[in-house]
Protein backbone atom coordinates (compact mmCIF):
# COMPACT_ATOMS: atom_id res chain seq x y z
CA UNK A 1 0.00 0.00 0.00
CA UNK A 2 2.84 2.38 0.73
CA UNK A 3 4.13 1.88 -2.81
CA UNK A 4 0.87 2.90 -4.47
CA UNK A 5 -0.60 5.14 -1.78
CA UNK A 6 2.21 7.64 -1.37
CA UNK A 7 4.26 9.90 -3.61
CA UNK A 8 7.47 8.44 -2.11
CA UNK A 9 6.29 4.96 -3.07
CA UNK A 10 6.15 5.94 -6.73
CA UNK A 11 9.74 7.18 -6.77
CA UNK A 12 12.82 5.02 -7.47
CA UNK A 13 13.32 4.19 -3.78
CA UNK A 14 10.03 2.83 -2.47
CA UNK A 15 9.19 2.93 1.21
CA UNK A 16 10.45 -0.05 3.19
CA UNK A 17 8.54 -1.00 6.32
CA UNK A 18 10.65 -2.59 9.04
CA UNK A 19 8.95 -4.18 12.05
CA UNK A 20 11.73 -5.71 14.18
CA UNK A 21 9.45 -6.62 17.10
CA UNK A 22 6.78 -8.34 15.06
CA UNK A 23 7.94 -11.92 15.64
CA UNK A 24 9.37 -11.53 19.15
CA UNK A 25 7.64 -12.70 22.32
CA UNK A 26 6.72 -10.12 24.94
CA UNK A 27 9.61 -11.37 27.11
CA UNK A 28 12.04 -10.92 24.19
CA UNK A 29 10.77 -7.38 23.60
CA UNK A 30 11.15 -6.50 27.29
CA UNK A 31 14.62 -8.07 27.37
CA UNK A 32 15.66 -5.90 24.42
CA UNK A 33 14.15 -2.84 26.11
CA UNK A 34 16.13 -3.53 29.28
CA UNK A 35 19.31 -4.08 27.24
CA UNK A 36 18.78 -0.75 25.44
CA UNK A 37 17.93 1.00 28.74
CA UNK A 38 14.56 2.02 27.33
CA UNK A 39 12.35 3.89 29.84
CA UNK A 40 9.96 0.97 30.42
CA UNK A 41 8.30 2.96 33.20
CA UNK A 42 7.03 5.27 30.45
CA UNK A 43 5.51 2.48 28.35
CA UNK A 44 1.88 1.43 28.55
CA UNK A 45 0.10 -1.75 27.54
CA UNK A 46 -3.23 -1.54 29.39
CA UNK A 47 -6.41 -1.29 27.34
CA UNK A 48 -7.99 0.94 30.01
CA UNK A 49 -7.13 4.56 30.61
CA UNK A 50 -6.24 5.80 34.07
CA UNK A 51 -3.37 6.62 36.35
CA UNK A 52 -2.43 2.96 36.79
CA UNK A 53 -2.68 -0.10 34.57
CA UNK A 54 -5.54 -2.44 35.49
CA UNK A 55 -3.51 -5.64 35.77
CA UNK A 56 -6.48 -7.69 34.53
CA UNK A 57 -6.87 -7.10 30.79
CA UNK A 58 -5.16 -9.38 28.25
CA UNK A 59 -2.57 -6.75 27.43
CA UNK A 60 -1.58 -6.22 31.08
CA UNK A 61 -1.40 -9.97 31.66
CA UNK A 62 0.85 -10.49 28.62
CA UNK A 63 3.14 -7.69 29.78
CA UNK A 64 3.32 -9.05 33.33
CA UNK A 65 3.97 -12.57 32.00
CA UNK A 66 6.88 -11.22 29.94
CA UNK A 67 8.47 -9.55 32.96
CA UNK A 68 7.86 -12.65 35.10
CA UNK A 69 9.54 -14.91 32.50
CA UNK A 70 12.64 -12.72 32.68
CA UNK A 71 12.63 -12.54 36.45
CA UNK A 72 12.36 -8.75 36.07
CA UNK A 73 10.07 -6.28 37.83
CA UNK A 74 7.57 -4.26 35.81
CA UNK A 75 8.16 -0.62 36.80
CA UNK A 76 4.65 0.71 36.10
CA UNK A 77 1.91 0.87 38.72
CA UNK A 78 -1.06 -1.50 38.63
CA UNK A 79 -4.42 -1.47 40.37
CA UNK A 80 -4.22 -5.26 40.62
CA UNK A 81 -1.34 -7.73 40.37
CA UNK A 82 -2.18 -11.41 39.87
CA UNK A 83 -0.95 -13.84 42.52
CA UNK A 84 1.17 -15.74 39.98
CA UNK A 85 3.12 -12.53 39.29
CA UNK A 86 3.78 -11.86 42.97
CA UNK A 87 5.01 -15.40 43.72
CA UNK A 88 8.73 -16.04 43.46
C-alpha atoms as a PDB file:
ATOM      1  CA  UNK A   1       0.000   0.000   0.000  1.00  0.00           C
ATOM      2  CA  UNK A   2       2.837   2.382   0.734  1.00  0.00           C
ATOM      3  CA  UNK A   3       4.130   1.882  -2.812  1.00  0.00           C
ATOM      4  CA  UNK A   4       0.868   2.904  -4.470  1.00  0.00           C
ATOM      5  CA  UNK A   5      -0.603   5.143  -1.781  1.00  0.00           C
ATOM      6  CA  UNK A   6       2.213   7.642  -1.373  1.00  0.00           C
ATOM      7  CA  UNK A   7       4.264   9.898  -3.607  1.00  0.00           C
ATOM      8  CA  UNK A   8       7.466   8.438  -2.114  1.00  0.00           C
ATOM      9  CA  UNK A   9       6.290   4.964  -3.067  1.00  0.00           C
ATOM     10  CA  UNK A  10       6.148   5.943  -6.734  1.00  0.00           C
ATOM     11  CA  UNK A  11       9.745   7.180  -6.773  1.00  0.00           C
ATOM     12  CA  UNK A  12      12.818   5.018  -7.470  1.00  0.00           C
ATOM     13  CA  UNK A  13      13.322   4.194  -3.780  1.00  0.00           C
ATOM     14  CA  UNK A  14      10.030   2.831  -2.473  1.00  0.00           C
ATOM     15  CA  UNK A  15       9.192   2.929   1.212  1.00  0.00           C
ATOM     16  CA  UNK A  16      10.453  -0.054   3.187  1.00  0.00           C
ATOM     17  CA  UNK A  17       8.540  -1.003   6.320  1.00  0.00           C
ATOM     18  CA  UNK A  18      10.649  -2.589   9.042  1.00  0.00           C
ATOM     19  CA  UNK A  19       8.948  -4.182  12.047  1.00  0.00           C
ATOM     20  CA  UNK A  20      11.728  -5.713  14.180  1.00  0.00           C
ATOM     21  CA  UNK A  21       9.454  -6.615  17.096  1.00  0.00           C
ATOM     22  CA  UNK A  22       6.777  -8.341  15.064  1.00  0.00           C
ATOM     23  CA  UNK A  23       7.938 -11.915  15.642  1.00  0.00           C
ATOM     24  CA  UNK A  24       9.368 -11.526  19.150  1.00  0.00           C
ATOM     25  CA  UNK A  25       7.642 -12.697  22.315  1.00  0.00           C
ATOM     26  CA  UNK A  26       6.718 -10.122  24.941  1.00  0.00           C
ATOM     27  CA  UNK A  27       9.611 -11.368  27.106  1.00  0.00           C
ATOM     28  CA  UNK A  28      12.041 -10.919  24.194  1.00  0.00           C
ATOM     29  CA  UNK A  29      10.773  -7.378  23.599  1.00  0.00           C
ATOM     30  CA  UNK A  30      11.147  -6.502  27.289  1.00  0.00           C
ATOM     31  CA  UNK A  31      14.622  -8.070  27.370  1.00  0.00           C
ATOM     32  CA  UNK A  32      15.657  -5.898  24.420  1.00  0.00           C
ATOM     33  CA  UNK A  33      14.148  -2.842  26.112  1.00  0.00           C
ATOM     34  CA  UNK A  34      16.134  -3.532  29.281  1.00  0.00           C
ATOM     35  CA  UNK A  35      19.310  -4.078  27.240  1.00  0.00           C
ATOM     36  CA  UNK A  36      18.778  -0.748  25.438  1.00  0.00           C
ATOM     37  CA  UNK A  37      17.931   0.997  28.736  1.00  0.00           C
ATOM     38  CA  UNK A  38      14.557   2.019  27.329  1.00  0.00           C
ATOM     39  CA  UNK A  39      12.349   3.888  29.835  1.00  0.00           C
ATOM     40  CA  UNK A  40       9.963   0.975  30.417  1.00  0.00           C
ATOM     41  CA  UNK A  41       8.304   2.963  33.197  1.00  0.00           C
ATOM     42  CA  UNK A  42       7.026   5.275  30.447  1.00  0.00           C
ATOM     43  CA  UNK A  43       5.514   2.477  28.347  1.00  0.00           C
ATOM     44  CA  UNK A  44       1.875   1.431  28.552  1.00  0.00           C
ATOM     45  CA  UNK A  45       0.098  -1.750  27.543  1.00  0.00           C
ATOM     46  CA  UNK A  46      -3.231  -1.540  29.388  1.00  0.00           C
ATOM     47  CA  UNK A  47      -6.412  -1.286  27.336  1.00  0.00           C
ATOM     48  CA  UNK A  48      -7.987   0.942  30.007  1.00  0.00           C
ATOM     49  CA  UNK A  49      -7.125   4.556  30.613  1.00  0.00           C
ATOM     50  CA  UNK A  50      -6.244   5.802  34.066  1.00  0.00           C
ATOM     51  CA  UNK A  51      -3.367   6.616  36.352  1.00  0.00           C
ATOM     52  CA  UNK A  52      -2.433   2.955  36.795  1.00  0.00           C
ATOM     53  CA  UNK A  53      -2.680  -0.103  34.570  1.00  0.00           C
ATOM     54  CA  UNK A  54      -5.539  -2.436  35.487  1.00  0.00           C
ATOM     55  CA  UNK A  55      -3.508  -5.644  35.766  1.00  0.00           C
ATOM     56  CA  UNK A  56      -6.477  -7.688  34.535  1.00  0.00           C
ATOM     57  CA  UNK A  57      -6.866  -7.104  30.786  1.00  0.00           C
ATOM     58  CA  UNK A  58      -5.163  -9.383  28.255  1.00  0.00           C
ATOM     59  CA  UNK A  59      -2.567  -6.751  27.430  1.00  0.00           C
ATOM     60  CA  UNK A  60      -1.580  -6.220  31.084  1.00  0.00           C
ATOM     61  CA  UNK A  61      -1.399  -9.966  31.660  1.00  0.00           C
ATOM     62  CA  UNK A  62       0.850 -10.495  28.619  1.00  0.00           C
ATOM     63  CA  UNK A  63       3.136  -7.695  29.782  1.00  0.00           C
ATOM     64  CA  UNK A  64       3.320  -9.048  33.328  1.00  0.00           C
ATOM     65  CA  UNK A  65       3.966 -12.565  31.999  1.00  0.00           C
ATOM     66  CA  UNK A  66       6.882 -11.218  29.945  1.00  0.00           C
ATOM     67  CA  UNK A  67       8.469  -9.547  32.961  1.00  0.00           C
ATOM     68  CA  UNK A  68       7.865 -12.650  35.097  1.00  0.00           C
ATOM     69  CA  UNK A  69       9.539 -14.912  32.505  1.00  0.00           C
ATOM     70  CA  UNK A  70      12.643 -12.716  32.678  1.00  0.00           C
ATOM     71  CA  UNK A  71      12.630 -12.536  36.455  1.00  0.00           C
ATOM     72  CA  UNK A  72      12.356  -8.749  36.073  1.00  0.00           C
ATOM     73  CA  UNK A  73      10.074  -6.284  37.833  1.00  0.00           C
ATOM     74  CA  UNK A  74       7.572  -4.257  35.807  1.00  0.00           C
ATOM     75  CA  UNK A  75       8.157  -0.617  36.795  1.00  0.00           C
ATOM     76  CA  UNK A  76       4.651   0.714  36.103  1.00  0.00           C
ATOM     77  CA  UNK A  77       1.906   0.875  38.716  1.00  0.00           C
ATOM     78  CA  UNK A  78      -1.057  -1.499  38.632  1.00  0.00           C
ATOM     79  CA  UNK A  79      -4.420  -1.472  40.373  1.00  0.00           C
ATOM     80  CA  UNK A  80      -4.216  -5.262  40.623  1.00  0.00           C
ATOM     81  CA  UNK A  81      -1.344  -7.731  40.366  1.00  0.00           C
ATOM     82  CA  UNK A  82      -2.185 -11.405  39.872  1.00  0.00           C
ATOM     83  CA  UNK A  83      -0.952 -13.845  42.522  1.00  0.00           C
ATOM     84  CA  UNK A  84       1.171 -15.743  39.978  1.00  0.00           C
ATOM     85  CA  UNK A  85       3.125 -12.535  39.293  1.00  0.00           C
ATOM     86  CA  UNK A  86       3.775 -11.859  42.970  1.00  0.00           C
ATOM     87  CA  UNK A  87       5.010 -15.396  43.723  1.00  0.00           C
ATOM     88  CA  UNK A  88       8.735 -16.036  43.461  1.00  0.00           C
END
